[in-house]
Each structure stands twice: as structure tokens, then as C-alpha cells.
């Protein structure tokens, strides 16, 4: 739908708050909405790959049904996998057996889809895409969604990577740099939300081998708030269409209440429908 207009798609992360995004993307698939380019961060990357592979409902199943059945979030996973998430369930059992990811459809789709990671050595954002190698694609998704402190550092192309949201939570500037001056931006926080900039410093023993990573982690709230300011300005200028929750969320980053998550999915679907009707798409 937006290919000829050269409109991009930007997907914020937010952990389980990304269930809102899965509702938005399912609405897009129901309406046959497609984009020539997209960029996703963390949960936005996870949701985005199922959108590119045209697997309607797959992200919702992962965020709600799979969680309800297998309880893949919890400190008990730290003992075996050094992660608060059951990585084996999410990236092996689910991807290959429970509801297999359609690599063929993903690679066949002409849409470019970049996923944001943070290079632990440089503290800079990396924008990675893959349309041929299944293993590298999954490695990128895992790295983009590897939350600091509670998930292990992942490696892509032999480089240590973590969650892209550390440095570029809302990569609208990246989309613009790729030639997409107008974008649909899906956020997982309500309008007016800002992170508290309390100047909290991480202890010196955490990520001591990666001083640049420590620097950007300490500036995370500041960087995020600046991006929200940018999105608000671009929205006023008519350069982005923003789909976001209507009210402050009562859903935590690592939320396990599937009733709340189902309501958030439904809100995402409804907000996308409302934007569709308002814009006359």
C-alpha cells in the first residue's frame, strides 16, 4: 500500500508492551498494508519479522498463548540459560517446531527490514538485515531483544551485541536516513510519557569490559526522551503518523498477566483501525 509513496515503518520495543505492536501489525495484515522499508527494535524486531513473513497472529501467539502455556519469563531461567527469558523455547522450540517461522516467505518479501542492536564495544547502534541466512537472521533478532542486565550478550558477525533500545529505541532518524521522509511510527507508550532522568549510574562491576556500553546505559533515559521529543515534533509537522496506546499502561516490561496482554493486543488493533479510518487509508 505504501510502497509507491515511499513510506517507512518504525517499530519501538518495550518488552511485553510490544504486544500492542502485534495488534497493530495484525490489523495491517488484515488490510493488506505493506511497506517498502521497516526498522524495528527489540520487541519491535521480534514482531516485525512475523509481519515481514506474512504470518498473521504469530506474534500474538508468541506474546500471549506461548507465555501462558510455557511460562518463558522468570528468574528461574537464569540458572540454566543465564537469561530471564527461556531462549531455547523462544528461538528454537517455538521458531522451529511449535509455530515455525516461514523463512521462505520472509526472504521472498521485497520489503527491507532492519533490526537495531547495540554494539557493546563501541556503544553505537547497528542496523542489521538478513534475507538469505536463517541462522544469522535469528542471531540478529536475539541480539536486538537481549535486554541489558537480565539477558546474556549475544554475538552477531563475531561482535558482542545487546538490545538496540539502549541507544536507539525509536529509530525514526534511521528511517529518514534511508530515504523515507514520511513514516508510520508504532510506539508502546502513551503520548506525553517520558522516562525519569535520575542520573542513576550502573555499578562499576557491571559490563566493566565494555566502557562505551556503560556510558550509553547511563544516558539511556536522556536519549529516549530526546527521541520522543523528535517524534512529537515530526508528528506536528505531518511527517509521521504515530500509533500509540491511548492511556498510560499498567503492563510491565516483563508482564506475565495474559489478561492484561490480551487487552493490550486488542488496544493495538483498535488504535490501528482508528488511524486507518482517520487518515482514510
Protein backbone atom coordinates (compact mmCIF):
# COMPACT_ATOMS: atom_id res chain seq x y z
CA UNK A 1 0.00 0.00 0.00
CA UNK A 2 2.75 2.46 0.97
CA UNK A 3 5.41 1.20 -1.47
CA UNK A 4 4.86 3.78 -4.19
CA UNK A 5 4.52 6.59 -1.63
CA UNK A 6 7.86 5.54 -0.11
CA UNK A 7 6.58 5.49 3.47
CA UNK A 8 8.55 3.59 6.10
CA UNK A 9 7.55 1.67 9.23
CA UNK A 10 9.25 2.24 12.60
CA UNK A 11 8.63 -0.17 15.49
CA UNK A 12 9.61 0.66 19.06
CA UNK A 13 10.49 -2.08 21.55
CA UNK A 14 9.32 -2.27 25.15
CA UNK A 15 9.42 -5.93 26.15
CA UNK A 16 5.94 -7.38 26.62
CA UNK A 17 4.46 -3.95 25.91
CA UNK A 18 5.28 -4.88 22.33
CA UNK A 19 2.06 -6.90 22.41
CA UNK A 20 0.45 -3.59 21.46
CA UNK A 21 2.55 -3.62 18.29
CA UNK A 22 1.49 -7.16 17.41
CA UNK A 23 -2.12 -5.93 17.41
CA UNK A 24 -1.21 -3.05 15.09
CA UNK A 25 0.65 -5.33 12.68
CA UNK A 26 -2.17 -7.89 12.60
CA UNK A 27 -4.55 -5.10 11.59
CA UNK A 28 -2.15 -4.08 8.83
CA UNK A 29 -2.03 -7.66 7.58
CA UNK A 30 -5.82 -7.90 7.66
CA UNK A 31 -5.96 -4.80 5.46
CA UNK A 32 -3.14 -5.88 3.17
CA UNK A 33 -0.95 -2.95 4.22
CA UNK A 34 2.67 -3.26 3.11
CA UNK A 35 5.74 -1.06 3.31
CA UNK A 36 8.93 -0.90 1.25
CA UNK A 37 11.06 -0.47 4.37
CA UNK A 38 10.83 -1.05 8.10
CA UNK A 39 13.09 -0.85 11.13
CA UNK A 40 12.39 -2.49 14.48
CA UNK A 41 13.99 -2.55 17.91
CA UNK A 42 13.90 -5.37 20.44
CA UNK A 43 10.24 -6.45 20.72
CA UNK A 44 9.64 -4.38 17.58
CA UNK A 45 12.15 -6.56 15.76
CA UNK A 46 10.50 -9.75 17.07
CA UNK A 47 7.05 -8.59 16.00
CA UNK A 48 8.36 -7.18 12.74
CA UNK A 49 9.85 -10.40 11.39
CA UNK A 50 6.47 -12.14 11.63
CA UNK A 51 4.93 -9.19 9.78
CA UNK A 52 7.51 -9.47 7.00
CA UNK A 53 6.91 -13.24 6.76
CA UNK A 54 3.13 -12.59 6.49
CA UNK A 55 2.35 -14.80 9.49
CA UNK A 56 -0.73 -13.10 10.89
CA UNK A 57 -1.29 -13.93 14.56
CA UNK A 58 2.14 -15.45 15.10
CA UNK A 59 3.42 -12.58 17.25
CA UNK A 60 0.23 -12.59 19.31
CA UNK A 61 0.59 -16.34 19.85
CA UNK A 62 4.18 -15.82 21.00
CA UNK A 63 3.32 -12.96 23.37
CA UNK A 64 0.20 -14.48 24.90
CA UNK A 65 -0.59 -18.15 24.19
CA UNK A 66 3.01 -19.37 24.35
CA UNK A 67 3.64 -17.43 27.55
CA UNK A 68 0.50 -18.81 29.19
CA UNK A 69 1.45 -22.40 28.36
CA UNK A 70 5.22 -22.39 28.85
CA UNK A 71 5.90 -19.53 31.29
CA UNK A 72 9.03 -18.44 29.44
CA UNK A 73 9.68 -15.36 31.62
CA UNK A 74 11.19 -15.71 35.07
CA UNK A 75 14.28 -15.68 37.24
CA UNK A 76 14.29 -19.48 37.30
CA UNK A 77 15.59 -19.44 33.71
CA UNK A 78 18.74 -17.66 34.89
CA UNK A 79 20.11 -20.86 36.42
CA UNK A 80 20.24 -22.78 33.15
CA UNK A 81 20.35 -20.11 30.45
CA UNK A 82 21.74 -17.00 32.21
CA UNK A 83 18.67 -15.16 30.97
CA UNK A 84 15.34 -14.09 32.42
CA UNK A 85 13.82 -15.42 29.17
CA UNK A 86 13.71 -19.06 28.09
CA UNK A 87 15.83 -18.55 24.99
CA UNK A 88 15.56 -22.19 23.92
CA UNK A 89 11.76 -22.01 23.94
CA UNK A 90 11.56 -18.67 22.12
CA UNK A 91 14.22 -19.12 19.47
CA UNK A 92 14.35 -22.88 18.98
CA UNK A 93 11.23 -24.76 20.07
CA UNK A 94 8.78 -22.05 19.04
CA UNK A 95 10.60 -20.96 15.90
CA UNK A 96 11.26 -24.44 14.57
CA UNK A 97 8.52 -26.68 15.99
CA UNK A 98 5.55 -25.08 17.77
CA UNK A 99 4.69 -22.41 15.21
CA UNK A 100 7.54 -22.49 12.69
CA UNK A 101 8.82 -19.25 11.27
CA UNK A 102 8.44 -19.05 7.49
CA UNK A 103 11.93 -18.17 6.35
CA UNK A 104 10.93 -18.67 2.72
CA UNK A 105 8.20 -16.02 2.92
CA UNK A 106 10.44 -13.67 4.88
CA UNK A 107 13.26 -13.91 2.35
CA UNK A 108 10.85 -13.63 -0.57
CA UNK A 109 9.27 -10.41 0.68
CA UNK A 110 10.89 -7.42 -1.12
CA UNK A 111 10.42 -5.23 1.98
CA UNK A 112 13.70 -4.21 3.61
CA UNK A 113 13.62 -4.81 7.35
CA UNK A 114 16.43 -3.60 9.59
CA UNK A 115 16.81 -4.59 13.23
CA UNK A 116 18.64 -2.43 15.73
CA UNK A 117 21.29 -3.79 18.07
CA UNK A 118 23.82 -2.09 20.33
CA UNK A 119 27.50 -2.86 19.73
CA UNK A 120 28.90 -3.45 23.21
CA UNK A 121 32.42 -2.44 22.13
CA UNK A 122 31.53 0.93 20.63
CA UNK A 123 28.26 1.75 22.37
CA UNK A 124 26.79 2.55 18.96
CA UNK A 125 23.66 1.34 17.22
CA UNK A 126 23.98 -1.24 14.45
CA UNK A 127 21.27 -1.60 11.80
CA UNK A 128 21.29 -5.16 10.53
CA UNK A 129 19.23 -7.01 7.96
CA UNK A 130 19.30 -10.52 6.53
CA UNK A 131 17.49 -12.04 3.56
CA UNK A 132 19.41 -15.27 2.95
CA UNK A 133 20.82 -16.92 6.10
CA UNK A 134 18.24 -18.24 8.63
CA UNK A 135 20.78 -18.63 11.42
CA UNK A 136 22.10 -15.07 11.10
CA UNK A 137 18.54 -13.71 10.99
CA UNK A 138 17.71 -15.37 14.32
CA UNK A 139 21.02 -14.20 15.79
CA UNK A 140 20.12 -10.61 14.92
CA UNK A 141 16.63 -10.92 16.43
CA UNK A 142 18.06 -12.42 19.62
CA UNK A 143 20.67 -9.68 19.93
CA UNK A 144 18.15 -6.90 19.29
CA UNK A 145 15.93 -8.24 22.10
CA UNK A 146 18.66 -9.13 24.62
CA UNK A 147 17.81 -6.80 27.49
CA UNK A 148 20.75 -5.44 29.46
CA UNK A 149 21.39 -6.91 32.92
CA UNK A 150 18.90 -9.80 32.58
CA UNK A 151 19.91 -11.36 29.26
CA UNK A 152 23.31 -12.52 28.02
CA UNK A 153 25.37 -10.66 25.47
CA UNK A 154 24.77 -12.12 22.02
CA UNK A 155 27.15 -12.27 19.08
CA UNK A 156 26.41 -11.28 15.50
CA UNK A 157 29.24 -11.42 12.97
CA UNK A 158 31.54 -12.16 15.94
CA UNK A 159 30.67 -8.84 17.60
CA UNK A 160 29.11 -8.60 21.09
CA UNK A 161 25.61 -7.14 20.89
CA UNK A 162 22.74 -6.21 23.19
CA UNK A 163 19.27 -4.66 22.92
CA UNK A 164 19.14 -1.91 20.31
CA UNK A 165 16.87 0.12 22.57
CA UNK A 166 19.87 1.07 24.69
CA UNK A 167 20.87 3.69 22.12
CA UNK A 168 18.09 3.87 19.51
CA UNK A 169 14.69 2.97 20.93
CA UNK A 170 12.70 4.77 18.21
CA UNK A 171 14.81 4.66 15.03
CA UNK A 172 12.89 7.24 13.03
CA UNK A 173 16.12 9.09 12.18
CA UNK A 174 17.46 5.86 10.71
CA UNK A 175 14.37 5.53 8.51
CA UNK A 176 14.80 9.12 7.31
CA UNK A 177 18.48 8.47 6.53
CA UNK A 178 17.41 5.55 4.33
CA UNK A 179 15.28 7.86 2.20
CA UNK A 180 11.93 7.56 3.98
CA UNK A 181 10.93 11.11 4.88
CA UNK A 182 7.43 10.01 5.95
CA UNK A 183 6.91 7.12 8.36
CA UNK A 184 4.31 5.23 10.36
CA UNK A 185 5.71 5.02 13.89
CA UNK A 186 4.36 2.46 16.35
CA UNK A 187 5.11 3.35 19.98
CA UNK A 188 4.42 1.31 23.09
CA UNK A 189 3.88 4.24 25.47
CA UNK A 190 1.10 6.81 25.58
CA UNK A 191 1.51 10.39 24.38
CA UNK A 192 3.31 12.55 26.93
CA UNK A 193 5.24 9.70 28.55
CA UNK A 194 8.87 10.43 29.46
CA UNK A 195 11.45 8.40 31.36
CA UNK A 196 12.70 9.78 34.66
CA UNK A 197 16.21 11.15 34.21
CA UNK A 198 17.53 10.49 37.69
CA UNK A 199 21.18 10.21 36.81
CA UNK A 200 21.37 6.61 38.03
CA UNK A 201 24.82 5.14 37.43
CA UNK A 202 25.36 1.43 36.94
CA UNK A 203 27.78 -0.24 39.39
CA UNK A 204 31.40 -0.41 38.21
CA UNK A 205 31.48 -4.22 38.14
CA UNK A 206 28.69 -4.45 35.54
CA UNK A 207 29.94 -4.57 31.92
CA UNK A 208 33.38 -3.49 33.11
CA UNK A 209 34.88 -4.85 29.86
CA UNK A 210 32.68 -2.52 27.84
CA UNK A 211 33.18 1.09 28.97
CA UNK A 212 31.38 2.55 25.94
CA UNK A 213 28.36 0.38 26.68
CA UNK A 214 28.36 1.60 30.28
CA UNK A 215 28.37 5.20 29.05
CA UNK A 216 25.28 4.80 26.88
CA UNK A 217 23.46 2.79 29.53
CA UNK A 218 23.91 5.71 31.92
CA UNK A 219 22.41 8.06 29.29
CA UNK A 220 19.56 5.78 28.28
CA UNK A 221 16.69 7.87 29.68
CA UNK A 222 18.10 11.09 28.24
CA UNK A 223 18.47 9.58 24.77
CA UNK A 224 14.98 8.07 24.85
CA UNK A 225 13.32 11.31 25.90
CA UNK A 226 15.06 13.20 23.09
CA UNK A 227 13.68 10.68 20.61
CA UNK A 228 10.17 11.14 21.97
CA UNK A 229 10.58 14.89 21.58
CA UNK A 230 11.64 14.34 17.97
CA UNK A 231 8.65 12.10 17.25
CA UNK A 232 6.28 14.70 18.72
CA UNK A 233 7.81 17.41 16.51
CA UNK A 234 7.65 15.28 13.37
CA UNK A 235 4.03 14.42 14.20
CA UNK A 236 3.13 18.11 14.45
CA UNK A 237 4.84 18.70 11.11
CA UNK A 238 2.85 15.89 9.49
CA UNK A 239 5.94 13.82 8.73
CA UNK A 240 4.96 10.80 10.83
CA UNK A 241 1.75 9.04 11.69
CA UNK A 242 2.03 7.77 15.25
CA UNK A 243 0.08 4.81 16.56
CA UNK A 244 0.41 4.59 20.34
CA UNK A 245 -1.62 3.43 23.37
CA UNK A 246 -4.32 5.90 24.30
CA UNK A 247 -3.77 5.67 28.07
CA UNK A 248 -0.85 5.07 30.45
CA UNK A 249 -0.08 1.36 30.55
CA UNK A 250 -0.40 -0.95 33.52
CA UNK A 251 1.68 -3.53 31.64
CA UNK A 252 5.26 -4.11 32.82
CA UNK A 253 8.21 -4.74 30.51
CA UNK A 254 8.26 -8.39 31.66
CA UNK A 255 4.49 -8.68 32.17
CA UNK A 256 3.13 -12.22 32.68
CA UNK A 257 -0.58 -11.45 33.13
CA UNK A 258 -2.06 -12.70 29.86
CA UNK A 259 -5.36 -10.95 30.55
CA UNK A 260 -3.56 -7.61 30.52
CA UNK A 261 -1.58 -8.63 27.45
CA UNK A 262 -4.71 -9.66 25.57
CA UNK A 263 -6.29 -6.29 26.35
CA UNK A 264 -3.13 -4.55 25.13
CA UNK A 265 -3.16 -6.54 21.88
CA UNK A 266 -6.79 -5.57 21.33
CA UNK A 267 -5.94 -1.94 22.01
CA UNK A 268 -3.18 -2.06 19.40
CA UNK A 269 -5.58 -3.49 16.84
CA UNK A 270 -8.21 -0.84 17.70
CA UNK A 271 -5.71 2.05 17.57
CA UNK A 272 -4.50 0.92 14.14
CA UNK A 273 -8.10 0.74 12.94
CA UNK A 274 -8.75 4.26 14.27
CA UNK A 275 -5.70 5.63 12.44
CA UNK A 276 -6.83 3.84 9.28
CA UNK A 277 -10.26 5.49 9.49
CA UNK A 278 -8.94 8.94 10.40
CA UNK A 279 -6.43 9.02 7.56
CA UNK A 280 -8.72 7.43 5.01
CA UNK A 281 -6.08 4.90 4.04
